[in-house]
Protein backbone atom coordinates (compact mmCIF):
# COMPACT_ATOMS: atom_id res chain seq x y z
CA MET A 1 0.33 36.80 13.84
CA VAL A 2 1.84 33.59 12.82
CA CYS A 3 4.86 32.81 10.60
CA LEU A 4 7.28 29.83 10.54
CA GLY A 5 9.97 30.66 13.03
CA ASN A 6 8.52 33.79 14.73
CA ILE A 7 11.60 35.96 14.12
CA CYS A 8 11.01 37.78 10.76
CA ARG A 9 7.42 38.35 9.54
CA SER A 10 5.18 37.76 12.56
CA PRO A 11 7.28 39.86 15.00
CA LEU A 12 6.93 42.71 12.46
CA ALA A 13 3.20 42.23 12.11
CA GLU A 14 2.84 42.10 15.91
CA GLY A 15 4.77 45.42 16.41
CA ILE A 16 3.04 47.11 13.48
CA LEU A 17 -0.47 46.19 14.54
CA LYS A 18 0.19 47.00 18.22
CA ASN A 19 1.43 50.47 17.07
CA LYS A 20 -1.88 51.03 15.17
CA LEU A 21 -4.36 49.95 17.89
CA PRO A 22 -5.29 51.55 21.20
CA LYS A 23 -3.01 49.95 23.68
CA ASN A 24 -5.54 48.99 26.47
CA ASN A 25 -8.26 47.61 24.15
CA PHE A 26 -6.48 44.91 22.12
CA ARG A 27 -3.96 42.17 22.78
CA VAL A 28 -1.58 41.40 19.88
CA ASP A 29 0.90 38.54 19.86
CA SER A 30 2.97 36.51 17.50
CA ALA A 31 4.14 32.96 17.23
CA GLY A 32 5.70 30.51 14.85
CA THR A 33 4.59 27.07 13.74
CA ALA A 34 8.17 25.69 14.13
CA GLY A 35 10.20 25.67 17.25
CA TYR A 36 13.54 26.68 15.70
CA HIS A 37 13.96 29.97 17.61
CA ILE A 38 11.92 29.73 20.82
CA GLY A 39 13.06 32.31 23.28
CA ARG A 40 15.21 34.29 20.82
CA ALA A 41 14.69 37.96 19.78
CA PRO A 42 13.43 38.77 16.31
CA ASP A 43 15.89 38.71 13.34
CA ILE A 44 18.08 41.79 13.57
CA ARG A 45 16.91 42.89 10.10
CA SER A 46 13.24 42.90 11.39
CA ILE A 47 14.37 44.94 14.41
CA LYS A 48 16.15 47.32 12.28
CA ILE A 49 13.22 47.91 9.76
CA ALA A 50 10.83 48.30 12.59
CA ALA A 51 13.05 50.81 14.33
CA GLN A 52 13.34 52.74 11.12
CA ASN A 53 9.60 53.16 11.25
CA GLY A 54 9.44 54.10 14.89
CA ILE A 55 8.52 50.64 16.26
CA ASP A 56 10.51 48.71 18.85
CA ILE A 57 10.17 44.89 18.56
CA SER A 58 13.60 44.19 20.18
CA ASN A 59 12.07 42.86 23.36
CA GLN A 60 9.91 40.22 21.71
CA LYS A 61 10.72 36.59 22.19
CA ALA A 62 10.04 33.90 19.60
CA ARG A 63 7.44 31.13 20.75
CA LYS A 64 5.61 28.30 19.14
CA PHE A 65 2.01 28.51 18.18
CA ILE A 66 0.03 26.05 20.35
CA PRO A 67 -3.57 24.74 20.24
CA ASP A 68 -4.34 26.86 23.35
CA ASP A 69 -3.88 29.87 21.19
CA PHE A 70 -7.28 29.26 19.57
CA ASP A 71 -8.77 29.92 23.12
CA ARG A 72 -6.59 32.88 23.80
CA PHE A 73 -7.23 34.91 20.59
CA ASP A 74 -10.32 35.88 18.60
CA LYS A 75 -8.31 36.19 15.29
CA ILE A 76 -5.30 34.36 14.07
CA PHE A 77 -3.50 35.66 10.98
CA ALA A 78 -1.10 33.53 9.05
CA MET A 79 1.68 35.05 6.97
CA ASP A 80 1.42 32.51 4.05
CA SER A 81 -0.77 29.70 2.84
CA SER A 82 1.57 27.05 4.05
CA ILE A 83 1.41 28.44 7.66
CA LEU A 84 -2.48 28.78 7.33
CA ASN A 85 -2.80 25.09 6.37
CA HIS A 86 -0.53 24.05 9.36
CA ILE A 87 -2.68 26.20 11.71
CA LYS A 88 -5.87 24.76 10.36
CA LYS A 89 -4.56 21.13 11.00
CA MET A 90 -4.12 22.10 14.66
CA ALA A 91 -7.75 23.31 15.00
CA GLN A 92 -9.87 21.25 17.27
CA THR A 93 -13.29 22.69 16.56
CA SER A 94 -15.17 24.43 13.80
CA ASN A 95 -15.06 27.57 15.81
CA ASP A 96 -11.25 27.47 15.80
CA LEU A 97 -11.35 27.36 12.05
CA THR A 98 -13.39 30.55 11.86
CA LYS A 99 -10.65 32.44 13.67
CA VAL A 100 -7.93 31.73 11.14
CA GLY A 101 -7.04 33.57 7.99
CA LEU A 102 -4.25 35.11 5.91
CA LEU A 103 -2.95 38.54 6.93
CA LEU A 104 -3.02 39.45 3.15
CA VAL A 105 -6.23 38.20 2.00
CA ASN A 106 -5.26 36.52 -1.27
CA GLU A 107 -1.51 36.79 -1.10
CA ASP A 108 1.39 35.43 0.91
CA VAL A 109 3.81 37.58 2.80
CA PRO A 110 7.18 36.32 1.38
CA ASP A 111 9.61 35.02 3.96
CA PRO A 112 12.59 37.35 3.87
CA TYR A 113 14.89 35.31 5.94
CA TYR A 114 17.23 34.29 3.16
CA GLY A 115 17.01 37.69 1.45
CA ASN A 116 18.69 40.98 2.20
CA ILE A 117 17.52 44.17 3.97
CA ASN A 118 15.47 45.11 0.84
CA SER A 119 13.41 41.92 1.30
CA PHE A 120 12.64 43.04 4.85
CA LYS A 121 11.64 46.62 3.56
CA LYS A 122 9.34 44.93 1.10
CA ILE A 123 7.51 42.82 3.70
CA TYR A 124 7.33 45.69 6.05
CA HIS A 125 5.38 47.73 3.67
CA LEU A 126 3.14 44.73 2.85
CA ILE A 127 2.39 44.06 6.46
CA ASP A 128 1.98 47.75 7.28
CA ARG A 129 -0.71 48.19 4.59
CA ALA A 130 -2.54 45.05 5.77
CA CYS A 131 -2.43 46.17 9.39
CA GLU A 132 -3.68 49.63 8.59
CA GLU A 133 -6.82 47.94 7.12
CA LEU A 134 -7.11 45.42 9.92
CA SER A 135 -6.77 48.16 12.56
CA ASP A 136 -9.54 50.16 11.04
CA LYS A 137 -11.84 47.02 10.86
CA LEU A 138 -11.00 45.87 14.47
CA GLN A 139 -11.69 49.39 15.90
CA LYS A 140 -14.94 49.62 14.00
CA MET A 141 -16.05 46.23 15.30
CA GLN A 142 -15.37 47.51 18.84
CA SER A 143 -17.34 50.73 18.51
């Protein structure tokens, strides 16, 4: 799960998807394309919204997306088209490109950073719906 700073959208997506998948069968992580917040916990509003939905993301630490992530992960989901384009530019092989897509198929997950708690509630629900579908697909592929 990749967003810009790895403190709002992608930590929520990581936490939500981890909560929906069997713990020992999948590895879910998040990163940002910019290094603004490396080592910092998620935005307090993301932590709060996750906690209100029974998910603890408070121990996550922001990190930057790196080219090695193409080798470490089978699927890479961008939160918006700008992030998607940035990730694609980092791809080194055609196989790398096949791993990348938007979390919401034809829609961006809006960045709530400059919004209020309602902005975080809105993206929580968008990400939750997408992760529900993604969880179903991934578990069927593994069966």
